Amino acid sequence: MGLYILISVLILIVCFLLGLIVLVQDSKGGGLASNFSAQNQYMGVRKTADFLEKSTWTLALLLLAFSLLSVIVLPRSSSSDIHNPDIENIQQRASEAVNYMPPPTQDAPPATPNQEGE
């Protein structure tokens, strides 16, 4: 159970970092690199864009790996939970409720014709 919680926390951290990296990027290639747009620092801008792209791919792959790993270490229910007497009792009561037929109602006596209208 402890390993599952650790992986879940790591997934949340990676998601947070991935969100930040994506928000920093500009859809047209500017983003954080646009702050360094001086012509003499062209390679600095390109390195920043490369860093953002590589970090996005790295975090996406980490998210995929942690997600798959979390499925592997997911705590499973034991077989004793399946044969729990409470569950069997609930299932029996549910099947009885589905098959329940209400008792027949007694029909009211037929109405007598009005004597005044004859």
C-alpha atoms as a PDB file:
ATOM      1  CA  MET A   1       0.000   0.000   0.000  1.00  0.00           C
ATOM      2  CA  GLY A   2       2.876   2.371   0.781  1.00  0.00           C
ATOM      3  CA  LEU A   3       4.423   1.933  -2.660  1.00  0.00           C
ATOM      4  CA  TYR A   4       1.100   2.698  -4.325  1.00  0.00           C
ATOM      5  CA  ILE A   5       0.796   5.946  -2.352  1.00  0.00           C
ATOM      6  CA  LEU A   6       4.374   6.900  -3.262  1.00  0.00           C
ATOM      7  CA  ILE A   7       3.711   6.320  -6.960  1.00  0.00           C
ATOM      8  CA  SER A   8       0.453   8.266  -6.728  1.00  0.00           C
ATOM      9  CA  VAL A   9       2.302  11.236  -5.211  1.00  0.00           C
ATOM     10  CA  LEU A  10       4.957  11.018  -7.936  1.00  0.00           C
ATOM     11  CA  ILE A  11       2.204  11.012 -10.586  1.00  0.00           C
ATOM     12  CA  LEU A  12       0.712  14.172  -9.066  1.00  0.00           C
ATOM     13  CA  ILE A  13       4.121  15.891  -9.001  1.00  0.00           C
ATOM     14  CA  VAL A  14       4.808  14.946 -12.634  1.00  0.00           C
ATOM     15  CA  CYS A  15       1.342  16.193 -13.658  1.00  0.00           C
ATOM     16  CA  PHE A  16       1.945  19.508 -11.905  1.00  0.00           C
ATOM     17  CA  LEU A  17       5.369  19.959 -13.529  1.00  0.00           C
ATOM     18  CA  LEU A  18       4.022  18.945 -16.939  1.00  0.00           C
ATOM     19  CA  GLY A  19       1.257  21.506 -16.613  1.00  0.00           C
ATOM     20  CA  LEU A  20       3.758  24.220 -15.742  1.00  0.00           C
ATOM     21  CA  ILE A  21       6.040  23.327 -18.649  1.00  0.00           C
ATOM     22  CA  VAL A  22       3.138  23.336 -21.099  1.00  0.00           C
ATOM     23  CA  LEU A  23       1.880  26.692 -19.809  1.00  0.00           C
ATOM     24  CA  VAL A  24       5.340  28.236 -20.160  1.00  0.00           C
ATOM     25  CA  GLN A  25       5.525  27.264 -23.808  1.00  0.00           C
ATOM     26  CA  ASP A  26       3.970  29.437 -26.470  1.00  0.00           C
ATOM     27  CA  SER A  27       1.887  27.753 -29.129  1.00  0.00           C
ATOM     28  CA  LYS A  28       3.863  29.553 -31.839  1.00  0.00           C
ATOM     29  CA  GLY A  29       7.279  28.685 -30.427  1.00  0.00           C
ATOM     30  CA  GLY A  30       7.831  31.775 -28.252  1.00  0.00           C
ATOM     31  CA  GLY A  31       6.919  31.136 -24.641  1.00  0.00           C
ATOM     32  CA  LEU A  32       9.774  31.444 -22.192  1.00  0.00           C
ATOM     33  CA  ALA A  33      12.154  31.767 -25.113  1.00  0.00           C
ATOM     34  CA  SER A  34      10.454  35.031 -26.185  1.00  0.00           C
ATOM     35  CA  ASN A  35      11.948  36.779 -23.142  1.00  0.00           C
ATOM     36  CA  PHE A  36      15.397  36.333 -24.686  1.00  0.00           C
ATOM     37  CA  SER A  37      14.514  37.549 -28.164  1.00  0.00           C
ATOM     38  CA  ALA A  38      17.603  39.696 -28.730  1.00  0.00           C
ATOM     39  CA  GLN A  39      19.263  38.834 -32.011  1.00  0.00           C
ATOM     40  CA  ASN A  40      22.645  38.237 -30.420  1.00  0.00           C
ATOM     41  CA  GLN A  41      21.200  35.511 -28.180  1.00  0.00           C
ATOM     42  CA  TYR A  42      19.588  33.404 -30.888  1.00  0.00           C
ATOM     43  CA  MET A  43      21.281  30.187 -29.719  1.00  0.00           C
ATOM     44  CA  GLY A  44      20.148  30.889 -26.144  1.00  0.00           C
ATOM     45  CA  VAL A  45      16.558  31.077 -27.322  1.00  0.00           C
ATOM     46  CA  ARG A  46      16.916  27.855 -29.267  1.00  0.00           C
ATOM     47  CA  LYS A  47      18.443  26.074 -26.278  1.00  0.00           C
ATOM     48  CA  THR A  48      15.570  27.215 -24.074  1.00  0.00           C
ATOM     49  CA  ALA A  49      13.023  25.930 -26.588  1.00  0.00           C
ATOM     50  CA  ASP A  50      14.913  22.634 -26.855  1.00  0.00           C
ATOM     51  CA  PHE A  51      14.974  22.324 -23.072  1.00  0.00           C
ATOM     52  CA  LEU A  52      11.224  22.923 -22.850  1.00  0.00           C
ATOM     53  CA  GLU A  53      10.510  20.390 -25.580  1.00  0.00           C
ATOM     54  CA  LYS A  54      12.783  17.744 -24.061  1.00  0.00           C
ATOM     55  CA  SER A  55      11.366  18.302 -20.591  1.00  0.00           C
ATOM     56  CA  THR A  56       7.815  17.975 -21.957  1.00  0.00           C
ATOM     57  CA  TRP A  57       8.628  14.635 -23.578  1.00  0.00           C
ATOM     58  CA  THR A  58      10.502  13.427 -20.504  1.00  0.00           C
ATOM     59  CA  LEU A  59       7.662  14.319 -18.141  1.00  0.00           C
ATOM     60  CA  ALA A  60       5.097  12.743 -20.482  1.00  0.00           C
ATOM     61  CA  LEU A  61       7.088   9.505 -20.573  1.00  0.00           C
ATOM     62  CA  LEU A  62       7.490   9.581 -16.783  1.00  0.00           C
ATOM     63  CA  LEU A  63       3.737  10.030 -16.420  1.00  0.00           C
ATOM     64  CA  LEU A  64       3.127   7.044 -18.674  1.00  0.00           C
ATOM     65  CA  ALA A  65       5.645   4.895 -16.800  1.00  0.00           C
ATOM     66  CA  PHE A  66       4.298   5.841 -13.363  1.00  0.00           C
ATOM     67  CA  SER A  67       0.733   5.184 -14.509  1.00  0.00           C
ATOM     68  CA  LEU A  68       1.616   1.712 -15.739  1.00  0.00           C
ATOM     69  CA  LEU A  69       3.605   1.028 -12.579  1.00  0.00           C
ATOM     70  CA  SER A  70       0.682   2.112 -10.412  1.00  0.00           C
ATOM     71  CA  VAL A  71      -1.517  -0.524 -12.056  1.00  0.00           C
ATOM     72  CA  ILE A  72       1.061  -3.189 -11.231  1.00  0.00           C
ATOM     73  CA  VAL A  73       1.321  -2.243  -7.536  1.00  0.00           C
ATOM     74  CA  LEU A  74      -2.396  -1.501  -7.133  1.00  0.00           C
ATOM     75  CA  PRO A  75      -3.659  -3.149  -3.934  1.00  0.00           C
ATOM     76  CA  ARG A  76      -5.943  -6.030  -4.805  1.00  0.00           C
ATOM     77  CA  SER A  77      -8.891  -7.212  -2.751  1.00  0.00           C
ATOM     78  CA  SER A  78      -8.418 -10.576  -1.121  1.00  0.00           C
ATOM     79  CA  SER A  79     -10.608 -13.564  -1.939  1.00  0.00           C
ATOM     80  CA  SER A  80     -12.202 -13.333   1.513  1.00  0.00           C
ATOM     81  CA  ASP A  81     -13.811 -10.045   0.450  1.00  0.00           C
ATOM     82  CA  ILE A  82     -15.581 -11.818  -2.397  1.00  0.00           C
ATOM     83  CA  HIS A  83     -17.285 -14.353  -0.115  1.00  0.00           C
ATOM     84  CA  ASN A  84     -18.263 -11.854   2.546  1.00  0.00           C
ATOM     85  CA  PRO A  85     -21.462 -12.996   4.306  1.00  0.00           C
ATOM     86  CA  ASP A  86     -22.811  -9.445   4.218  1.00  0.00           C
ATOM     87  CA  ILE A  87     -22.539  -9.375   0.430  1.00  0.00           C
ATOM     88  CA  GLU A  88     -24.297 -12.730   0.144  1.00  0.00           C
ATOM     89  CA  ASN A  89     -27.051 -11.462   2.473  1.00  0.00           C
ATOM     90  CA  ILE A  90     -27.487  -8.327   0.380  1.00  0.00           C
ATOM     91  CA  GLN A  91     -27.611 -10.360  -2.829  1.00  0.00           C
ATOM     92  CA  GLN A  92     -30.219 -12.693  -1.346  1.00  0.00           C
ATOM     93  CA  ARG A  93     -32.375  -9.781  -0.177  1.00  0.00           C
ATOM     94  CA  ALA A  94     -32.075  -8.116  -3.585  1.00  0.00           C
ATOM     95  CA  SER A  95     -33.201 -11.257  -5.401  1.00  0.00           C
ATOM     96  CA  GLU A  96     -36.116 -11.628  -2.997  1.00  0.00           C
ATOM     97  CA  ALA A  97     -37.125  -8.022  -3.656  1.00  0.00           C
ATOM     98  CA  VAL A  98     -37.046  -8.592  -7.403  1.00  0.00           C
ATOM     99  CA  ASN A  99     -39.162 -11.750  -7.145  1.00  0.00           C
ATOM    100  CA  TYR A 100     -41.610 -10.282  -4.617  1.00  0.00           C
ATOM    101  CA  MET A 101     -45.260 -10.450  -5.603  1.00  0.00           C
ATOM    102  CA  PRO A 102     -47.640  -8.307  -3.555  1.00  0.00           C
ATOM    103  CA  PRO A 103     -50.623 -10.112  -2.086  1.00  0.00           C
ATOM    104  CA  PRO A 104     -53.747  -9.914  -4.218  1.00  0.00           C
ATOM    105  CA  THR A 105     -56.056  -7.089  -3.273  1.00  0.00           C
ATOM    106  CA  GLN A 106     -59.667  -7.779  -2.460  1.00  0.00           C
ATOM    107  CA  ASP A 107     -62.020  -6.424  -5.042  1.00  0.00           C
ATOM    108  CA  ALA A 108     -64.626  -3.994  -3.817  1.00  0.00           C
ATOM    109  CA  PRO A 109     -68.209  -5.234  -4.073  1.00  0.00           C
ATOM    110  CA  PRO A 110     -69.822  -4.277  -7.331  1.00  0.00           C
ATOM    111  CA  ALA A 111     -71.646  -1.004  -7.254  1.00  0.00           C
ATOM    112  CA  THR A 112     -75.391  -1.289  -7.062  1.00  0.00           C
ATOM    113  CA  PRO A 113     -77.466   0.627  -9.537  1.00  0.00           C
ATOM    114  CA  ASN A 114     -79.087   3.726  -8.261  1.00  0.00           C
ATOM    115  CA  GLN A 115     -82.638   2.984  -7.243  1.00  0.00           C
ATOM    116  CA  GLU A 116     -83.875   6.502  -7.855  1.00  0.00           C
ATOM    117  CA  GLY A 117     -82.932   6.526 -11.511  1.00  0.00           C
ATOM    118  CA  GLU A 118     -85.252   3.614 -12.491  1.00  0.00           C
END
